[in-house]
Amino acid sequence: MTITDFLLARIAEDEEALKRGYDVRATFAALSRHTLNERVPGFLWRTPEAVAAYMREISEQATALDAADRERRKAECEAKRRLIELAATCDVPSIELALAEVYVDHPDYDEAWRV
């Protein structure tokens, strides 16, 4: 496997993860009231209406942050593809070597790529 193939496969994995998505609301709803009480003192002592409003507010904020993060990660994947093309066009392998460093723990990473 070439370093280019390796990087394009990692980018494809990142893009696939973005397509699958991440349901912030479901994750937030799965938090126990006990956990929330540890993070927000007095949480258990609030009225049910206040608890529901608080959970809605946090869920909406998390969903907005998730959407912004997804857009940033999509742009990052595209930028990495452009850098790989640039490295090939300009014959600058150090660009790909630098990009590959973040995947050093991946089983397909080749130690020969380490800078």
PDB file of N, CA and C in Angstrom:
ATOM      1  N   MET A   1       0.847  -1.181   0.000  1.00  0.00           N
ATOM      2  CA  MET A   1       0.000   0.000   0.000  1.00  0.00           C
ATOM      3  C   MET A   1       0.890   1.240   0.000  1.00  0.00           C
ATOM      4  N   THR A   2       0.593   2.160  -0.896  1.00  0.00           N
ATOM      5  CA  THR A   2       1.354   3.408  -0.941  1.00  0.00           C
ATOM      6  C   THR A   2       0.816   4.365   0.113  1.00  0.00           C
ATOM      7  N   ILE A   3       1.596   5.371   0.409  1.00  0.00           N
ATOM      8  CA  ILE A   3       1.147   6.360   1.383  1.00  0.00           C
ATOM      9  C   ILE A   3      -0.093   7.094   0.870  1.00  0.00           C
ATOM     10  N   THR A   4      -0.156   7.321  -0.443  1.00  0.00           N
ATOM     11  CA  THR A   4      -1.328   7.969  -1.028  1.00  0.00           C
ATOM     12  C   THR A   4      -2.570   7.102  -0.828  1.00  0.00           C
ATOM     13  N   ASP A   5      -2.452   5.812  -1.129  1.00  0.00           N
ATOM     14  CA  ASP A   5      -3.581   4.897  -0.919  1.00  0.00           C
ATOM     15  C   ASP A   5      -4.004   4.875   0.549  1.00  0.00           C
ATOM     16  N   PHE A   6      -3.006   4.843   1.425  1.00  0.00           N
ATOM     17  CA  PHE A   6      -3.273   4.830   2.858  1.00  0.00           C
ATOM     18  C   PHE A   6      -4.063   6.069   3.274  1.00  0.00           C
ATOM     19  N   LEU A   7      -3.597   7.245   2.856  1.00  0.00           N
ATOM     20  CA  LEU A   7      -4.261   8.500   3.229  1.00  0.00           C
ATOM     21  C   LEU A   7      -5.668   8.597   2.647  1.00  0.00           C
ATOM     22  N   LEU A   8      -5.827   8.206   1.384  1.00  0.00           N
ATOM     23  CA  LEU A   8      -7.160   8.266   0.773  1.00  0.00           C
ATOM     24  C   LEU A   8      -8.118   7.315   1.472  1.00  0.00           C
ATOM     25  N   ALA A   9      -7.627   6.174   1.937  1.00  0.00           N
ATOM     26  CA  ALA A   9      -8.484   5.235   2.682  1.00  0.00           C
ATOM     27  C   ALA A   9      -8.905   5.827   4.026  1.00  0.00           C
ATOM     28  N   ARG A  10      -7.994   6.533   4.701  1.00  0.00           N
ATOM     29  CA  ARG A  10      -8.342   7.155   5.989  1.00  0.00           C
ATOM     30  C   ARG A  10      -9.366   8.272   5.768  1.00  0.00           C
ATOM     31  N   ILE A  11      -9.192   9.041   4.707  1.00  0.00           N
ATOM     32  CA  ILE A  11     -10.146  10.110   4.409  1.00  0.00           C
ATOM     33  C   ILE A  11     -11.512   9.507   4.106  1.00  0.00           C
ATOM     34  N   ALA A  12     -11.531   8.431   3.344  1.00  0.00           N
ATOM     35  CA  ALA A  12     -12.797   7.751   3.034  1.00  0.00           C
ATOM     36  C   ALA A  12     -13.469   7.257   4.315  1.00  0.00           C
ATOM     37  N   GLU A  13     -12.677   6.749   5.261  1.00  0.00           N
ATOM     38  CA  GLU A  13     -13.241   6.311   6.552  1.00  0.00           C
ATOM     39  C   GLU A  13     -13.844   7.489   7.305  1.00  0.00           C
ATOM     40  N   ASP A  14     -13.148   8.619   7.299  1.00  0.00           N
ATOM     41  CA  ASP A  14     -13.668   9.814   7.968  1.00  0.00           C
ATOM     42  C   ASP A  14     -14.975  10.268   7.326  1.00  0.00           C
ATOM     43  N   GLU A  15     -15.022  10.249   5.998  1.00  0.00           N
ATOM     44  CA  GLU A  15     -16.238  10.665   5.296  1.00  0.00           C
ATOM     45  C   GLU A  15     -17.386   9.701   5.568  1.00  0.00           C
ATOM     46  N   GLU A  16     -17.090   8.414   5.649  1.00  0.00           N
ATOM     47  CA  GLU A  16     -18.128   7.426   5.951  1.00  0.00           C
ATOM     48  C   GLU A  16     -18.674   7.642   7.360  1.00  0.00           C
ATOM     49  N   ALA A  17     -17.796   7.946   8.279  1.00  0.00           N
ATOM     50  CA  ALA A  17     -18.230   8.225   9.649  1.00  0.00           C
ATOM     51  C   ALA A  17     -19.152   9.446   9.681  1.00  0.00           C
ATOM     52  N   LEU A  18     -18.852  10.442   8.866  1.00  0.00           N
ATOM     53  CA  LEU A  18     -19.710  11.624   8.792  1.00  0.00           C
ATOM     54  C   LEU A  18     -21.079  11.273   8.226  1.00  0.00           C
ATOM     55  N   LYS A  19     -21.120  10.383   7.245  1.00  0.00           N
ATOM     56  CA  LYS A  19     -22.399   9.977   6.652  1.00  0.00           C
ATOM     57  C   LYS A  19     -23.256   9.236   7.667  1.00  0.00           C
ATOM     58  N   ARG A  20     -22.599   8.391   8.486  1.00  0.00           N
ATOM     59  CA  ARG A  20     -23.349   7.644   9.501  1.00  0.00           C
ATOM     60  C   ARG A  20     -23.925   8.584  10.533  1.00  0.00           C
ATOM     61  N   GLY A  21     -23.187   9.647  10.799  1.00  0.00           N
ATOM     62  CA  GLY A  21     -23.670  10.656  11.726  1.00  0.00           C
ATOM     63  C   GLY A  21     -23.523  10.250  13.174  1.00  0.00           C
ATOM     64  N   TYR A  22     -23.964  11.134  14.008  1.00  0.00           N
ATOM     65  CA  TYR A  22     -23.853  10.961  15.445  1.00  0.00           C
ATOM     66  C   TYR A  22     -25.063  11.634  16.057  1.00  0.00           C
ATOM     67  N   ASP A  23     -25.883  10.873  16.704  1.00  0.00           N
ATOM     68  CA  ASP A  23     -27.115  11.403  17.265  1.00  0.00           C
ATOM     69  C   ASP A  23     -26.849  11.972  18.654  1.00  0.00           C
ATOM     70  N   VAL A  24     -26.593  13.264  18.700  1.00  0.00           N
ATOM     71  CA  VAL A  24     -26.269  13.929  19.953  1.00  0.00           C
ATOM     72  C   VAL A  24     -27.429  13.843  20.923  1.00  0.00           C
ATOM     73  N   ARG A  25     -28.649  14.033  20.430  1.00  0.00           N
ATOM     74  CA  ARG A  25     -29.804  14.010  21.325  1.00  0.00           C
ATOM     75  C   ARG A  25     -29.970  12.651  21.993  1.00  0.00           C
ATOM     76  N   ALA A  26     -29.803  11.579  21.228  1.00  0.00           N
ATOM     77  CA  ALA A  26     -29.946  10.245  21.811  1.00  0.00           C
ATOM     78  C   ALA A  26     -28.868  10.008  22.860  1.00  0.00           C
ATOM     79  N   THR A  27     -27.669  10.461  22.569  1.00  0.00           N
ATOM     80  CA  THR A  27     -26.581  10.286  23.530  1.00  0.00           C
ATOM     81  C   THR A  27     -26.852  11.083  24.798  1.00  0.00           C
ATOM     82  N   PHE A  28     -27.305  12.304  24.627  1.00  0.00           N
ATOM     83  CA  PHE A  28     -27.600  13.138  25.787  1.00  0.00           C
ATOM     84  C   PHE A  28     -28.724  12.529  26.610  1.00  0.00           C
ATOM     85  N   ALA A  29     -29.761  12.038  25.943  1.00  0.00           N
ATOM     86  CA  ALA A  29     -30.895  11.448  26.649  1.00  0.00           C
ATOM     87  C   ALA A  29     -30.477  10.206  27.423  1.00  0.00           C
ATOM     88  N   ALA A  30     -29.444   9.543  26.963  1.00  0.00           N
ATOM     89  CA  ALA A  30     -28.977   8.325  27.621  1.00  0.00           C
ATOM     90  C   ALA A  30     -28.240   8.608  28.928  1.00  0.00           C
ATOM     91  N   LEU A  31     -27.847   9.852  29.154  1.00  0.00           N
ATOM     92  CA  LEU A  31     -27.168  10.181  30.407  1.00  0.00           C
ATOM     93  C   LEU A  31     -28.127   9.968  31.571  1.00  0.00           C
ATOM     94  N   SER A  32     -27.615   9.417  32.620  1.00  0.00           N
ATOM     95  CA  SER A  32     -28.469   9.202  33.785  1.00  0.00           C
ATOM     96  C   SER A  32     -28.660  10.507  34.541  1.00  0.00           C
ATOM     97  N   ARG A  33     -29.750  10.590  35.271  1.00  0.00           N
ATOM     98  CA  ARG A  33     -29.980  11.779  36.089  1.00  0.00           C
ATOM     99  C   ARG A  33     -28.868  11.914  37.118  1.00  0.00           C
ATOM    100  N   HIS A  34     -28.350  10.790  37.582  1.00  0.00           N
ATOM    101  CA  HIS A  34     -27.270  10.829  38.562  1.00  0.00           C
ATOM    102  C   HIS A  34     -26.039  11.516  37.965  1.00  0.00           C
ATOM    103  N   THR A  35     -25.701  11.153  36.736  1.00  0.00           N
ATOM    104  CA  THR A  35     -24.553  11.754  36.074  1.00  0.00           C
ATOM    105  C   THR A  35     -24.769  13.252  35.903  1.00  0.00           C
ATOM    106  N   LEU A  36     -25.985  13.622  35.488  1.00  0.00           N
ATOM    107  CA  LEU A  36     -26.277  15.043  35.322  1.00  0.00           C
ATOM    108  C   LEU A  36     -26.177  15.777  36.648  1.00  0.00           C
ATOM    109  N   ASN A  37     -26.617  15.139  37.737  1.00  0.00           N
ATOM    110  CA  ASN A  37     -26.530  15.783  39.043  1.00  0.00           C
ATOM    111  C   ASN A  37     -25.079  16.028  39.435  1.00  0.00           C
ATOM    112  N   GLU A  38     -24.182  15.101  39.060  1.00  0.00           N
ATOM    113  CA  GLU A  38     -22.766  15.307  39.362  1.00  0.00           C
ATOM    114  C   GLU A  38     -22.214  16.497  38.581  1.00  0.00           C
ATOM    115  N   ARG A  39     -22.687  16.678  37.358  1.00  0.00           N
ATOM    116  CA  ARG A  39     -22.166  17.752  36.507  1.00  0.00           C
ATOM    117  C   ARG A  39     -22.857  19.081  36.775  1.00  0.00           C
ATOM    118  N   VAL A  40     -24.122  19.027  37.181  1.00  0.00           N
ATOM    119  CA  VAL A  40     -24.900  20.240  37.433  1.00  0.00           C
ATOM    120  C   VAL A  40     -25.458  20.133  38.851  1.00  0.00           C
ATOM    121  N   PRO A  41     -24.794  20.723  39.822  1.00  0.00           N
ATOM    122  CA  PRO A  41     -25.257  20.610  41.207  1.00  0.00           C
ATOM    123  C   PRO A  41     -26.718  21.030  41.355  1.00  0.00           C
ATOM    124  N   GLY A  42     -27.487  20.216  42.083  1.00  0.00           N
ATOM    125  CA  GLY A  42     -28.893  20.523  42.315  1.00  0.00           C
ATOM    126  C   GLY A  42     -29.812  20.076  41.203  1.00  0.00           C
ATOM    127  N   PHE A  43     -29.279  19.388  40.189  1.00  0.00           N
ATOM    128  CA  PHE A  43     -30.102  18.993  39.045  1.00  0.00           C
ATOM    129  C   PHE A  43     -31.294  18.150  39.475  1.00  0.00           C
ATOM    130  N   LEU A  44     -31.083  17.224  40.395  1.00  0.00           N
ATOM    131  CA  LEU A  44     -32.171  16.332  40.799  1.00  0.00           C
ATOM    132  C   LEU A  44     -33.273  17.061  41.558  1.00  0.00           C
ATOM    133  N   TRP A  45     -32.947  18.227  42.070  1.00  0.00           N
ATOM    134  CA  TRP A  45     -33.921  18.933  42.895  1.00  0.00           C
ATOM    135  C   TRP A  45     -34.749  19.941  42.104  1.00  0.00           C
ATOM    136  N   ARG A  46     -34.510  20.004  40.816  1.00  0.00           N
ATOM    137  CA  ARG A  46     -35.275  20.937  39.989  1.00  0.00           C
ATOM    138  C   ARG A  46     -36.642  20.346  39.664  1.00  0.00           C
ATOM    139  N   THR A  47     -37.576  21.207  39.279  1.00  0.00           N
ATOM    140  CA  THR A  47     -38.905  20.717  38.905  1.00  0.00           C
ATOM    141  C   THR A  47     -38.805  19.950  37.592  1.00  0.00           C
ATOM    142  N   PRO A  48     -39.734  19.039  37.314  1.00  0.00           N
ATOM    143  CA  PRO A  48     -39.699  18.299  36.048  1.00  0.00           C
ATOM    144  C   PRO A  48     -39.701  19.227  34.833  1.00  0.00           C
ATOM    145  N   GLU A  49     -40.431  20.339  34.922  1.00  0.00           N
ATOM    146  CA  GLU A  49     -40.480  21.286  33.814  1.00  0.00           C
ATOM    147  C   GLU A  49     -39.115  21.929  33.587  1.00  0.00           C
ATOM    148  N   ALA A  50     -38.457  22.283  34.694  1.00  0.00           N
ATOM    149  CA  ALA A  50     -37.135  22.905  34.582  1.00  0.00           C
ATOM    150  C   ALA A  50     -36.122  21.913  34.026  1.00  0.00           C
ATOM    151  N   VAL A  51     -36.220  20.669  34.466  1.00  0.00           N
ATOM    152  CA  VAL A  51     -35.320  19.629  33.962  1.00  0.00           C
ATOM    153  C   VAL A  51     -35.523  19.443  32.460  1.00  0.00           C
ATOM    154  N   ALA A  52     -36.785  19.361  32.021  1.00  0.00           N
ATOM    155  CA  ALA A  52     -37.083  19.184  30.597  1.00  0.00           C
ATOM    156  C   ALA A  52     -36.561  20.365  29.785  1.00  0.00           C
ATOM    157  N   ALA A  53     -36.755  21.581  30.283  1.00  0.00           N
ATOM    158  CA  ALA A  53     -36.279  22.773  29.573  1.00  0.00           C
ATOM    159  C   ALA A  53     -34.753  22.774  29.502  1.00  0.00           C
ATOM    160  N   TYR A  54     -34.121  22.404  30.593  1.00  0.00           N
ATOM    161  CA  TYR A  54     -32.655  22.342  30.623  1.00  0.00           C
ATOM    162  C   TYR A  54     -32.137  21.320  29.616  1.00  0.00           C
ATOM    163  N   MET A  55     -32.744  20.138  29.596  1.00  0.00           N
ATOM    164  CA  MET A  55     -32.308  19.092  28.681  1.00  0.00           C
ATOM    165  C   MET A  55     -32.526  19.518  27.229  1.00  0.00           C
ATOM    166  N   ARG A  56     -33.647  20.190  26.946  1.00  0.00           N
ATOM    167  CA  ARG A  56     -33.908  20.679  25.586  1.00  0.00           C
ATOM    168  C   ARG A  56     -32.840  21.683  25.167  1.00  0.00           C
ATOM    169  N   GLU A  57     -32.533  22.609  26.056  1.00  0.00           N
ATOM    170  CA  GLU A  57     -31.541  23.645  25.748  1.00  0.00           C
ATOM    171  C   GLU A  57     -30.176  23.028  25.466  1.00  0.00           C
ATOM    172  N   ILE A  58     -29.731  22.132  26.323  1.00  0.00           N
ATOM    173  CA  ILE A  58     -28.433  21.489  26.137  1.00  0.00           C
ATOM    174  C   ILE A  58     -28.432  20.661  24.860  1.00  0.00           C
ATOM    175  N   SER A  59     -29.516  19.961  24.602  1.00  0.00           N
ATOM    176  CA  SER A  59     -29.610  19.131  23.403  1.00  0.00           C
ATOM    177  C   SER A  59     -29.526  19.987  22.145  1.00  0.00           C
ATOM    178  N   GLU A  60     -30.210  21.120  22.130  1.00  0.00           N
ATOM    179  CA  GLU A  60     -30.175  22.013  20.975  1.00  0.00           C
ATOM    180  C   GLU A  60     -28.773  22.583  20.765  1.00  0.00           C
ATOM    181  N   GLN A  61     -28.116  22.945  21.867  1.00  0.00           N
ATOM    182  CA  GLN A  61     -26.753  23.467  21.757  1.00  0.00           C
ATOM    183  C   GLN A  61     -25.807  22.394  21.218  1.00  0.00           C
ATOM    184  N   ALA A  62     -25.949  21.183  21.723  1.00  0.00           N
ATOM    185  CA  ALA A  62     -25.081  20.091  21.282  1.00  0.00           C
ATOM    186  C   ALA A  62     -25.327  19.764  19.810  1.00  0.00           C
ATOM    187  N   THR A  63     -26.577  19.808  19.386  1.00  0.00           N
ATOM    188  CA  THR A  63     -26.904  19.528  17.993  1.00  0.00           C
ATOM    189  C   THR A  63     -26.288  20.590  17.082  1.00  0.00           C
ATOM    190  N   ALA A  64     -26.355  21.851  17.493  1.00  0.00           N
ATOM    191  CA  ALA A  64     -25.765  22.934  16.698  1.00  0.00           C
ATOM    192  C   ALA A  64     -24.248  22.780  16.627  1.00  0.00           C
ATOM    193  N   LEU A  65     -23.631  22.447  17.740  1.00  0.00           N
ATOM    194  CA  LEU A  65     -22.178  22.239  17.738  1.00  0.00           C
ATOM    195  C   LEU A  65     -21.807  21.056  16.855  1.00  0.00           C
ATOM    196  N   ASP A  66     -22.610  19.987  16.920  1.00  0.00           N
ATOM    197  CA  ASP A  66     -22.336  18.807  16.109  1.00  0.00           C
ATOM    198  C   ASP A  66     -22.416  19.159  14.625  1.00  0.00           C
ATOM    199  N   ALA A  67     -23.419  19.947  14.228  1.00  0.00           N
ATOM    200  CA  ALA A  67     -23.567  20.334  12.824  1.00  0.00           C
ATOM    201  C   ALA A  67     -22.363  21.158  12.358  1.00  0.00           C
ATOM    202  N   ALA A  68     -21.913  22.084  13.194  1.00  0.00           N
ATOM    203  CA  ALA A  68     -20.756  22.902  12.841  1.00  0.00           C
ATOM    204  C   ALA A  68     -19.505  22.033  12.743  1.00  0.00           C
ATOM    205  N   ASP A  69     -19.365  21.081  13.654  1.00  0.00           N
ATOM    206  CA  ASP A  69     -18.215  20.189  13.630  1.00  0.00           C
ATOM    207  C   ASP A  69     -18.232  19.313  12.389  1.00  0.00           C
ATOM    208  N   ARG A  70     -19.407  18.852  11.991  1.00  0.00           N
ATOM    209  CA  ARG A  70     -19.519  18.010  10.796  1.00  0.00           C
ATOM    210  C   ARG A  70     -19.083  18.781   9.557  1.00  0.00           C
ATOM    211  N   GLU A  71     -19.483  20.029   9.445  1.00  0.00           N
ATOM    212  CA  GLU A  71     -19.092  20.852   8.299  1.00  0.00           C
ATOM    213  C   GLU A  71     -17.581  21.062   8.286  1.00  0.00           C
ATOM    214  N   ARG A  72     -17.011  21.304   9.456  1.00  0.00           N
ATOM    215  CA  ARG A  72     -15.565  21.482   9.540  1.00  0.00           C
ATOM    216  C   ARG A  72     -14.842  20.200   9.143  1.00  0.00           C
ATOM    217  N   ARG A  73     -15.344  19.057   9.599  1.00  0.00           N
ATOM    218  CA  ARG A  73     -14.690  17.790   9.269  1.00  0.00           C
ATOM    219  C   ARG A  73     -14.826  17.458   7.789  1.00  0.00           C
ATOM    220  N   LYS A  74     -15.962  17.811   7.174  1.00  0.00           N
ATOM    221  CA  LYS A  74     -16.104  17.610   5.719  1.00  0.00           C
ATOM    222  C   LYS A  74     -15.093  18.465   4.968  1.00  0.00           C
ATOM    223  N   ALA A  75     -14.952  19.711   5.393  1.00  0.00           N
ATOM    224  CA  ALA A  75     -13.989  20.616   4.753  1.00  0.00           C
ATOM    225  C   ALA A  75     -12.554  20.120   4.958  1.00  0.00           C
ATOM    226  N   GLU A  76     -12.299  19.556   6.124  1.00  0.00           N
ATOM    227  CA  GLU A  76     -10.966  19.019   6.404  1.00  0.00           C
ATOM    228  C   GLU A  76     -10.647  17.844   5.476  1.00  0.00           C
ATOM    229  N   CYS A  77     -11.614  16.971   5.235  1.00  0.00           N
ATOM    230  CA  CYS A  77     -11.402  15.844   4.315  1.00  0.00           C
ATOM    231  C   CYS A  77     -11.072  16.351   2.916  1.00  0.00           C
ATOM    232  N   GLU A  78     -11.806  17.344   2.470  1.00  0.00           N
ATOM    233  CA  GLU A  78     -11.559  17.903   1.140  1.00  0.00           C
ATOM    234  C   GLU A  78     -10.191  18.577   1.069  1.00  0.00           C
ATOM    235  N   ALA A  79      -9.815  19.281   2.116  1.00  0.00           N
ATOM    236  CA  ALA A  79      -8.502  19.933   2.143  1.00  0.00           C
ATOM    237  C   ALA A  79      -7.374  18.897   2.095  1.00  0.00           C
ATOM    238  N   LYS A  80      -7.553  17.795   2.804  1.00  0.00           N
ATOM    239  CA  LYS A  80      -6.536  16.737   2.769  1.00  0.00           C
ATOM    240  C   LYS A  80      -6.410  16.144   1.369  1.00  0.00           C
ATOM    241  N   ARG A  81      -7.551  15.964   0.691  1.00  0.00           N
ATOM    242  CA  ARG A  81      -7.492  15.459  -0.694  1.00  0.00           C
ATOM    243  C   ARG A  81      -6.713  16.420  -1.592  1.00  0.00           C
ATOM    244  N   ARG A  82      -6.955  17.722  -1.429  1.00  0.00           N
ATOM    245  CA  ARG A  82      -6.239  18.714  -2.240  1.00  0.00           C
ATOM    246  C   ARG A  82      -4.744  18.700  -1.931  1.00  0.00           C
ATOM    247  N   LEU A  83      -4.398  18.533  -0.668  1.00  0.00           N
ATOM    248  CA  LEU A  83      -2.977  18.466  -0.306  1.00  0.00           C
ATOM    249  C   LEU A  83      -2.310  17.234  -0.911  1.00  0.00           C
ATOM    250  N   ILE A  84      -3.017  16.126  -0.954  1.00  0.00           N
ATOM    251  CA  ILE A  84      -2.467  14.910  -1.560  1.00  0.00           C
ATOM    252  C   ILE A  84      -2.245  15.123  -3.051  1.00  0.00           C
ATOM    253  N   GLU A  85      -3.203  15.773  -3.716  1.00  0.00           N
ATOM    254  CA  GLU A  85      -3.038  16.091  -5.140  1.00  0.00           C
ATOM    255  C   GLU A  85      -1.853  17.035  -5.346  1.00  0.00           C
ATOM    256  N   LEU A  86      -1.741  18.027  -4.476  1.00  0.00           N
ATOM    257  CA  LEU A  86      -0.635  18.980  -4.568  1.00  0.00           C
ATOM    258  C   LEU A  86       0.704  18.269  -4.381  1.00  0.00           C
ATOM    259  N   ALA A  87       0.770  17.369  -3.421  1.00  0.00           N
ATOM    260  CA  ALA A  87       2.007  16.624  -3.174  1.00  0.00           C
ATOM    261  C   ALA A  87       2.420  15.836  -4.409  1.00  0.00           C
ATOM    262  N   ALA A  88       1.445  15.232  -5.089  1.00  0.00           N
ATOM    263  CA  ALA A  88       1.743  14.446  -6.291  1.00  0.00           C
ATOM    264  C   ALA A  88       2.155  15.355  -7.449  1.00  0.00           C
ATOM    265  N   THR A  89       1.445  16.462  -7.614  1.00  0.00           N
ATOM    266  CA  THR A  89       1.723  17.392  -8.708  1.00  0.00           C
ATOM    267  C   THR A  89       3.087  18.047  -8.551  1.00  0.00           C
ATOM    268  N   CYS A  90       3.414  18.460  -7.347  1.00  0.00           N
ATOM    269  CA  CYS A  90       4.661  19.189  -7.096  1.00  0.00           C
ATOM    270  C   CYS A  90       5.797  18.273  -6.673  1.00  0.00           C
ATOM    271  N   ASP A  91       5.515  16.993  -6.578  1.00  0.00           N
ATOM    272  CA  ASP A  91       6.509  16.012  -6.137  1.00  0.00           C
ATOM    273  C   ASP A  91       7.115  16.422  -4.790  1.00  0.00           C
ATOM    274  N   VAL A  92       6.215  16.637  -3.825  1.00  0.00           N
ATOM    275  CA  VAL A  92       6.635  17.004  -2.468  1.00  0.00           C
ATOM    276  C   VAL A  92       6.089  15.939  -1.515  1.00  0.00           C
ATOM    277  N   PRO A  93       6.802  14.820  -1.382  1.00  0.00           N
ATOM    278  CA  PRO A  93       6.298  13.731  -0.548  1.00  0.00           C
ATOM    279  C   PRO A  93       6.173  14.081   0.928  1.00  0.00           C
ATOM    280  N   SER A  94       6.884  15.113   1.373  1.00  0.00           N
ATOM    281  CA  SER A  94       6.816  15.468   2.792  1.00  0.00           C
ATOM    282  C   SER A  94       5.407  15.879   3.214  1.00  0.00           C
ATOM    283  N   ILE A  95       4.609  16.373   2.278  1.00  0.00           N
ATOM    284  CA  ILE A  95       3.223  16.736   2.593  1.00  0.00           C
ATOM    285  C   ILE A  95       2.459  15.490   3.015  1.00  0.00           C
ATOM    286  N   GLU A  96       2.581  14.426   2.233  1.00  0.00           N
ATOM    287  CA  GLU A  96       1.885  13.187   2.576  1.00  0.00           C
ATOM    288  C   GLU A  96       2.437  12.578   3.858  1.00  0.00           C
ATOM    289  N   LEU A  97       3.740  12.664   4.043  1.00  0.00           N
ATOM    290  CA  LEU A  97       4.338  12.134   5.270  1.00  0.00           C
ATOM    291  C   LEU A  97       3.777  12.848   6.496  1.00  0.00           C
ATOM    292  N   ALA A  98       3.649  14.152   6.389  1.00  0.00           N
ATOM    293  CA  ALA A  98       3.099  14.931   7.509  1.00  0.00           C
ATOM    294  C   ALA A  98       1.637  14.571   7.756  1.00  0.00           C
ATOM    295  N   LEU A  99       0.855  14.419   6.694  1.00  0.00           N
ATOM    296  CA  LEU A  99      -0.550  14.040   6.847  1.00  0.00           C
ATOM    297  C   LEU A  99      -0.693  12.658   7.487  1.00  0.00           C
ATOM    298  N   ALA A 100       0.210  11.756   7.153  1.00  0.00           N
ATOM    299  CA  ALA A 100       0.128  10.385   7.660  1.00  0.00           C
ATOM    300  C   ALA A 100       0.483  10.288   9.138  1.00  0.00           C
ATOM    301  N   GLU A 101       1.205  11.254   9.662  1.00  0.00           N
ATOM    302  CA  GLU A 101       1.641  11.187  11.063  1.00  0.00           C
ATOM    303  C   GLU A 101       0.492  11.057  12.049  1.00  0.00           C
ATOM    304  N   VAL A 102      -0.647  11.622  11.736  1.00  0.00           N
ATOM    305  CA  VAL A 102      -1.774  11.536  12.677  1.00  0.00           C
ATOM    306  C   VAL A 102      -2.359  10.125  12.751  1.00  0.00           C
ATOM    307  N   TYR A 103      -1.973   9.265  11.824  1.00  0.00           N
ATOM    308  CA  TYR A 103      -2.491   7.898  11.792  1.00  0.00           C
ATOM    309  C   TYR A 103      -1.438   6.881  12.230  1.00  0.00           C
ATOM    310  N   VAL A 104      -0.450   7.316  12.973  1.00  0.00           N
ATOM    311  CA  VAL A 104       0.661   6.443  13.352  1.00  0.00           C
ATOM    312  C   VAL A 104       0.178   5.194  14.106  1.00  0.00           C
ATOM    313  N   ASP A 105      -0.937   5.267  14.781  1.00  0.00           N
ATOM    314  CA  ASP A 105      -1.464   4.119  15.529  1.00  0.00           C
ATOM    315  C   ASP A 105      -2.303   3.175  14.676  1.00  0.00           C
ATOM    316  N   HIS A 106      -2.550   3.541  13.432  1.00  0.00           N
ATOM    317  CA  HIS A 106      -3.365   2.698  12.546  1.00  0.00           C
ATOM    318  C   HIS A 106      -2.564   1.456  12.150  1.00  0.00           C
ATOM    319  N   PRO A 107      -3.221   0.284  12.101  1.00  0.00           N
ATOM    320  CA  PRO A 107      -2.483  -0.948  11.776  1.00  0.00           C
ATOM    321  C   PRO A 107      -1.838  -0.948  10.387  1.00  0.00           C
ATOM    322  N   ASP A 108      -2.350  -0.168   9.453  1.00  0.00           N
ATOM    323  CA  ASP A 108      -1.775  -0.128   8.107  1.00  0.00           C
ATOM    324  C   ASP A 108      -0.669   0.917   7.955  1.00  0.00           C
ATOM    325  N   TYR A 109      -0.415   1.664   9.010  1.00  0.00           N
ATOM    326  CA  TYR A 109       0.636   2.688   8.951  1.00  0.00           C
ATOM    327  C   TYR A 109       1.992   2.011   8.789  1.00  0.00           C
ATOM    328  N   ASP A 110       2.789   2.541   7.890  1.00  0.00           N
ATOM    329  CA  ASP A 110       4.125   1.999   7.607  1.00  0.00           C
ATOM    330  C   ASP A 110       5.152   2.874   8.334  1.00  0.00           C
ATOM    331  N   GLU A 111       5.944   2.270   9.190  1.00  0.00           N
ATOM    332  CA  GLU A 111       6.951   3.021   9.950  1.00  0.00           C
ATOM    333  C   GLU A 111       7.939   3.762   9.047  1.00  0.00           C
ATOM    334  N   ALA A 112       8.078   3.318   7.809  1.00  0.00           N
ATOM    335  CA  ALA A 112       8.978   3.991   6.876  1.00  0.00           C
ATOM    336  C   ALA A 112       8.478   5.387   6.532  1.00  0.00           C
ATOM    337  N   TRP A 113       7.219   5.668   6.805  1.00  0.00           N
ATOM    338  CA  TRP A 113       6.659   6.984   6.512  1.00  0.00           C
ATOM    339  C   TRP A 113       6.941   7.987   7.628  1.00  0.00           C
ATOM    340  N   ARG A 114       7.452   7.525   8.751  1.00  0.00           N
ATOM    341  CA  ARG A 114       7.682   8.417   9.891  1.00  0.00           C
ATOM    342  C   ARG A 114       8.779   9.423   9.538  1.00  0.00           C
ATOM    343  N   VAL A 115       8.499  10.705   9.832  1.00  0.00           N
ATOM    344  CA  VAL A 115       9.487  11.745   9.534  1.00  0.00           C
ATOM    345  C   VAL A 115      10.369  12.009  10.720  1.00  0.00           C
TER     346      VAL A 115
END
